[in-house]
N, C-alpha and C. Protein backbone atom coordinates (compact mmCIF):
# COMPACT_ATOMS: atom_id res chain seq x y z
N UNK A 1 0.76 -1.19 -0.07
CA UNK A 1 0.07 0.01 -0.07
C UNK A 1 0.81 1.18 -0.07
N UNK A 2 0.35 2.27 -0.70
CA UNK A 2 1.26 3.44 -0.87
C UNK A 2 0.97 4.35 0.36
N UNK A 3 1.94 5.42 0.56
CA UNK A 3 1.95 6.08 1.60
C UNK A 3 0.65 7.11 1.77
N UNK A 4 0.22 7.64 0.61
CA UNK A 4 -0.97 8.35 0.50
C UNK A 4 -2.22 7.66 0.73
N UNK A 5 -2.16 6.40 0.59
CA UNK A 5 -3.35 5.46 0.94
C UNK A 5 -3.47 5.33 2.37
N UNK A 6 -2.28 4.94 3.05
CA UNK A 6 -2.25 4.76 4.47
C UNK A 6 -2.52 6.02 5.18
N UNK A 7 -1.99 7.16 4.73
CA UNK A 7 -2.09 8.45 5.54
C UNK A 7 -3.69 9.07 5.13
N UNK A 8 -4.16 8.91 3.90
CA UNK A 8 -5.37 9.72 3.74
C UNK A 8 -6.42 8.85 3.15
N UNK A 9 -6.13 7.47 2.76
CA UNK A 9 -7.16 6.66 2.14
C UNK A 9 -7.35 7.04 0.81
N UNK A 10 -6.46 7.61 0.13
CA UNK A 10 -6.58 8.13 -1.39
C UNK A 10 -6.56 6.93 -2.20
N UNK A 11 -7.54 6.77 -3.17
CA UNK A 11 -7.40 5.75 -4.07
C UNK A 11 -7.62 6.10 -5.48
N UNK A 12 -6.52 6.20 -6.33
CA UNK A 12 -6.46 6.68 -7.55
C UNK A 12 -5.52 5.95 -8.45
N UNK A 13 -5.12 6.40 -9.55
CA UNK A 13 -4.15 5.58 -10.42
C UNK A 13 -2.69 5.41 -9.87
N UNK A 14 -2.31 6.40 -9.05
CA UNK A 14 -0.98 6.29 -8.41
C UNK A 14 -0.89 5.13 -7.52
N UNK A 15 -2.14 4.92 -6.71
CA UNK A 15 -2.14 3.64 -5.98
C UNK A 15 -2.05 2.39 -6.87
N UNK A 16 -2.77 2.42 -7.92
CA UNK A 16 -2.64 1.16 -8.95
C UNK A 16 -1.10 0.87 -9.22
N UNK A 17 -0.51 1.89 -9.67
CA UNK A 17 0.86 1.86 -10.08
C UNK A 17 1.71 1.30 -8.89
N UNK A 18 1.51 1.77 -7.77
CA UNK A 18 2.30 1.33 -6.55
C UNK A 18 1.99 -0.27 -6.34
N UNK A 19 0.80 -0.65 -6.40
CA UNK A 19 0.39 -2.00 -6.32
C UNK A 19 0.91 -2.97 -7.44
N UNK A 20 1.01 -2.43 -8.60
CA UNK A 20 1.65 -3.13 -9.77
C UNK A 20 3.08 -3.29 -9.40
N UNK A 21 3.92 -2.31 -9.07
CA UNK A 21 5.21 -2.39 -8.57
C UNK A 21 5.34 -3.62 -7.55
N UNK A 22 4.47 -3.58 -6.48
CA UNK A 22 4.54 -4.59 -5.50
C UNK A 22 4.27 -6.05 -6.01
N UNK A 23 3.35 -6.30 -7.02
CA UNK A 23 3.12 -7.50 -7.73
C UNK A 23 4.30 -7.88 -8.51
N UNK A 24 4.91 -6.91 -9.24
CA UNK A 24 6.18 -7.30 -9.96
C UNK A 24 7.33 -7.84 -9.07
N UNK A 25 7.47 -6.97 -7.99
CA UNK A 25 8.56 -7.38 -6.99
C UNK A 25 8.14 -9.00 -6.36
N UNK A 26 6.89 -9.12 -5.96
CA UNK A 26 6.52 -10.47 -5.39
C UNK A 26 6.72 -11.54 -6.48
N UNK A 27 6.27 -11.17 -7.75
CA UNK A 27 6.80 -12.25 -8.68
C UNK A 27 8.19 -12.60 -8.95
N UNK A 28 9.07 -11.58 -8.89
CA UNK A 28 10.49 -11.72 -8.98
C UNK A 28 11.05 -12.27 -7.80
N UNK A 29 10.72 -12.02 -6.63
CA UNK A 29 11.39 -12.47 -5.49
C UNK A 29 10.72 -13.56 -4.78
N UNK A 30 9.44 -13.86 -5.06
CA UNK A 30 8.58 -14.75 -4.33
C UNK A 30 8.22 -14.54 -2.85
N UNK A 31 8.55 -13.10 -2.54
CA UNK A 31 8.21 -12.62 -1.30
C UNK A 31 7.49 -11.29 -1.31
N UNK A 32 6.85 -11.07 -0.28
CA UNK A 32 6.03 -9.77 -0.28
C UNK A 32 7.06 -8.53 -0.50
N UNK A 33 6.67 -7.47 -1.24
CA UNK A 33 7.41 -6.42 -1.43
C UNK A 33 7.75 -5.64 -0.06
N UNK A 34 6.81 -5.45 0.66
CA UNK A 34 6.89 -4.88 1.97
C UNK A 34 6.99 -5.89 3.11
N UNK A 35 8.25 -6.06 3.67
CA UNK A 35 8.41 -7.03 4.50
C UNK A 35 8.06 -6.76 6.05
N UNK A 36 7.37 -5.93 6.46
CA UNK A 36 7.15 -5.51 7.77
C UNK A 36 6.05 -6.33 8.40
N UNK A 37 6.09 -6.69 9.51
CA UNK A 37 4.92 -7.48 10.15
C UNK A 37 4.21 -6.55 11.05
N UNK A 38 4.73 -5.65 11.73
CA UNK A 38 4.07 -4.66 12.77
C UNK A 38 3.26 -3.78 11.95
N UNK A 39 2.04 -3.64 12.13
CA UNK A 39 1.22 -2.75 11.45
C UNK A 39 1.49 -1.17 11.62
N UNK A 40 1.94 -0.97 13.06
CA UNK A 40 2.22 0.41 13.30
C UNK A 40 3.63 0.89 12.58
N UNK A 41 4.43 -0.12 12.67
CA UNK A 41 5.88 0.21 11.92
C UNK A 41 5.66 0.39 10.51
N UNK A 42 4.77 -0.35 9.90
CA UNK A 42 4.40 -0.24 8.40
C UNK A 42 3.98 1.25 8.14
N UNK A 43 3.12 1.59 9.06
CA UNK A 43 2.56 3.17 8.85
C UNK A 43 3.60 4.09 9.02
N UNK A 44 4.37 3.94 10.08
CA UNK A 44 5.42 4.98 10.21
C UNK A 44 6.47 5.05 9.26
N UNK A 45 6.78 3.73 8.72
CA UNK A 45 7.79 3.56 7.65
C UNK A 45 7.26 4.28 6.29
N UNK A 46 6.12 3.96 5.93
CA UNK A 46 5.40 4.47 4.72
C UNK A 46 5.20 6.18 4.70
N UNK A 47 4.54 6.53 5.89
CA UNK A 47 4.09 7.81 5.94
C UNK A 47 5.11 8.84 6.40
N UNK A 48 5.75 8.50 7.58
CA UNK A 48 6.89 9.43 8.02
C UNK A 48 8.31 9.27 7.44
N UNK A 49 8.63 8.07 7.18
CA UNK A 49 10.13 8.03 6.61
C UNK A 49 9.94 8.04 5.06
N UNK A 50 8.84 7.83 4.62
CA UNK A 50 8.72 7.62 3.03
C UNK A 50 9.51 6.50 2.44
N UNK A 51 9.57 5.34 3.34
CA UNK A 51 10.39 4.21 2.91
C UNK A 51 9.69 3.60 1.65
N UNK A 52 10.44 2.91 0.73
CA UNK A 52 9.93 2.22 -0.27
C UNK A 52 10.41 0.72 -0.33
N UNK A 53 9.81 -0.16 -1.13
CA UNK A 53 10.42 -1.43 -1.12
C UNK A 53 11.85 -1.45 -1.83
N UNK A 54 12.66 -2.45 -1.27
CA UNK A 54 14.08 -2.31 -1.77
C UNK A 54 14.11 -3.04 -3.17
N UNK A 55 14.64 -2.42 -4.10
CA UNK A 55 14.86 -3.07 -5.24
C UNK A 55 16.02 -3.84 -5.29
N UNK A 56 15.97 -5.12 -5.84
CA UNK A 56 17.30 -5.89 -5.77
C UNK A 56 18.22 -5.46 -6.96
N UNK A 57 19.44 -5.77 -6.60
CA UNK A 57 20.62 -5.35 -7.38
C UNK A 57 20.64 -6.42 -8.65
N UNK A 58 20.13 -7.39 -8.57
CA UNK A 58 20.26 -8.58 -9.63
C UNK A 58 19.24 -8.43 -10.64
N UNK A 59 18.50 -7.34 -10.65
CA UNK A 59 17.45 -7.22 -11.76
C UNK A 59 18.04 -6.29 -12.92
N UNK A 60 17.35 -6.67 -14.15
CA UNK A 60 17.92 -5.84 -15.28
C UNK A 60 17.62 -4.47 -15.11
N UNK A 61 18.41 -3.57 -15.61
CA UNK A 61 18.11 -2.12 -15.58
C UNK A 61 16.78 -1.66 -15.88
N UNK A 62 16.17 -2.33 -16.97
CA UNK A 62 14.83 -1.83 -17.25
C UNK A 62 13.89 -2.10 -16.22
N UNK A 63 14.04 -3.20 -15.61
CA UNK A 63 13.16 -3.55 -14.41
C UNK A 63 13.36 -2.70 -13.17
N UNK A 64 14.68 -2.29 -12.95
CA UNK A 64 14.87 -1.41 -11.83
C UNK A 64 14.23 -0.08 -12.15
N UNK A 65 14.34 0.41 -13.32
CA UNK A 65 13.88 1.68 -13.59
C UNK A 65 12.18 1.72 -13.54
N UNK A 66 11.69 0.61 -13.96
CA UNK A 66 10.28 0.39 -13.93
C UNK A 66 9.77 0.38 -12.46
N UNK A 67 10.36 -0.28 -11.59
CA UNK A 67 10.06 -0.40 -10.09
C UNK A 67 10.46 1.06 -9.50
N UNK A 68 11.44 1.55 -9.85
CA UNK A 68 11.84 2.98 -9.26
C UNK A 68 10.48 3.93 -9.52
N UNK A 69 10.13 3.83 -10.74
CA UNK A 69 8.96 4.68 -11.12
C UNK A 69 7.69 4.27 -10.40
N UNK A 70 7.30 3.12 -10.09
CA UNK A 70 6.35 2.50 -9.33
C UNK A 70 6.25 2.96 -7.98
N UNK A 71 7.61 3.16 -7.35
CA UNK A 71 7.60 3.39 -5.94
C UNK A 71 8.09 4.79 -5.82
N UNK A 72 7.95 5.75 -6.73
CA UNK A 72 8.07 7.19 -6.24
C UNK A 72 7.19 7.50 -5.05
N UNK A 73 7.62 8.25 -4.18
CA UNK A 73 6.94 8.53 -2.92
C UNK A 73 5.79 9.65 -3.13
N UNK A 74 6.09 10.47 -4.24
CA UNK A 74 5.12 11.56 -4.58
C UNK A 74 3.98 10.81 -5.63
N UNK A 75 2.98 10.73 -5.20
CA UNK A 75 1.79 10.23 -6.16
C UNK A 75 1.87 10.75 -7.46
N UNK A 76 1.99 12.16 -7.62
CA UNK A 76 1.90 12.83 -8.85
C UNK A 76 3.13 12.34 -9.89
N UNK A 77 4.33 12.01 -9.26
CA UNK A 77 5.35 11.50 -10.09
C UNK A 77 4.94 10.15 -10.53
N UNK A 78 4.33 9.32 -9.83
CA UNK A 78 3.92 8.02 -10.10
C UNK A 78 2.83 8.01 -11.31
N UNK A 79 1.95 9.03 -11.37
CA UNK A 79 0.88 8.95 -12.29
C UNK A 79 0.84 9.96 -13.30
N UNK A 80 0.43 11.07 -12.90
CA UNK A 80 0.14 12.34 -13.77
C UNK A 80 1.31 12.60 -14.69
N UNK A 81 2.66 12.74 -14.19
CA UNK A 81 3.66 13.43 -14.99
C UNK A 81 4.37 12.32 -15.77
N UNK A 82 3.98 11.07 -15.47
CA UNK A 82 4.76 9.94 -16.05
C UNK A 82 4.05 9.35 -17.13
N UNK A 83 2.74 9.73 -17.56
CA UNK A 83 2.00 9.17 -18.48
C UNK A 83 2.61 8.57 -19.68
N UNK A 84 3.52 9.40 -20.31
CA UNK A 84 4.20 9.00 -21.56
C UNK A 84 5.15 7.59 -21.30
N UNK A 85 5.72 7.55 -20.08
CA UNK A 85 6.48 6.33 -19.70
C UNK A 85 5.43 5.29 -19.71
N UNK A 86 4.49 5.30 -18.84
CA UNK A 86 3.49 4.25 -18.58
C UNK A 86 2.88 3.89 -19.74
N UNK A 87 2.52 4.75 -20.85
CA UNK A 87 1.88 4.30 -22.06
C UNK A 87 2.77 3.34 -22.93
N UNK A 88 3.91 3.24 -22.71
CA UNK A 88 4.80 2.37 -23.40
C UNK A 88 4.52 0.91 -23.08
N UNK A 89 3.87 0.75 -21.89
CA UNK A 89 3.45 -0.66 -21.40
C UNK A 89 2.19 -1.10 -21.71
N UNK A 90 1.36 -0.16 -22.31
CA UNK A 90 -0.13 -0.52 -22.45
C UNK A 90 -0.24 -1.44 -23.87
N UNK A 91 -1.13 -2.45 -23.68
CA UNK A 91 -1.25 -3.14 -24.97
C UNK A 91 -2.40 -2.69 -25.91
């Protein structure tokens, strides 16, 4: 879940992009993208520290760039301003 969802309950395209990044991470690593178990700690890390999932070094550069764009902490960077990047992945 993205920081804006945790803090404000906002549901929009940027949340979908964050979740897509989490799914890709889970498919690649076979583990959850966010590995925290304590709910209060998750909220603190996402909202206050602006922590994002760790992108593994052994991924291809294109995969790293894709995930970095999925995990921008600013929701506007994830959706609105990056439309041209995301449109390259539409079928």
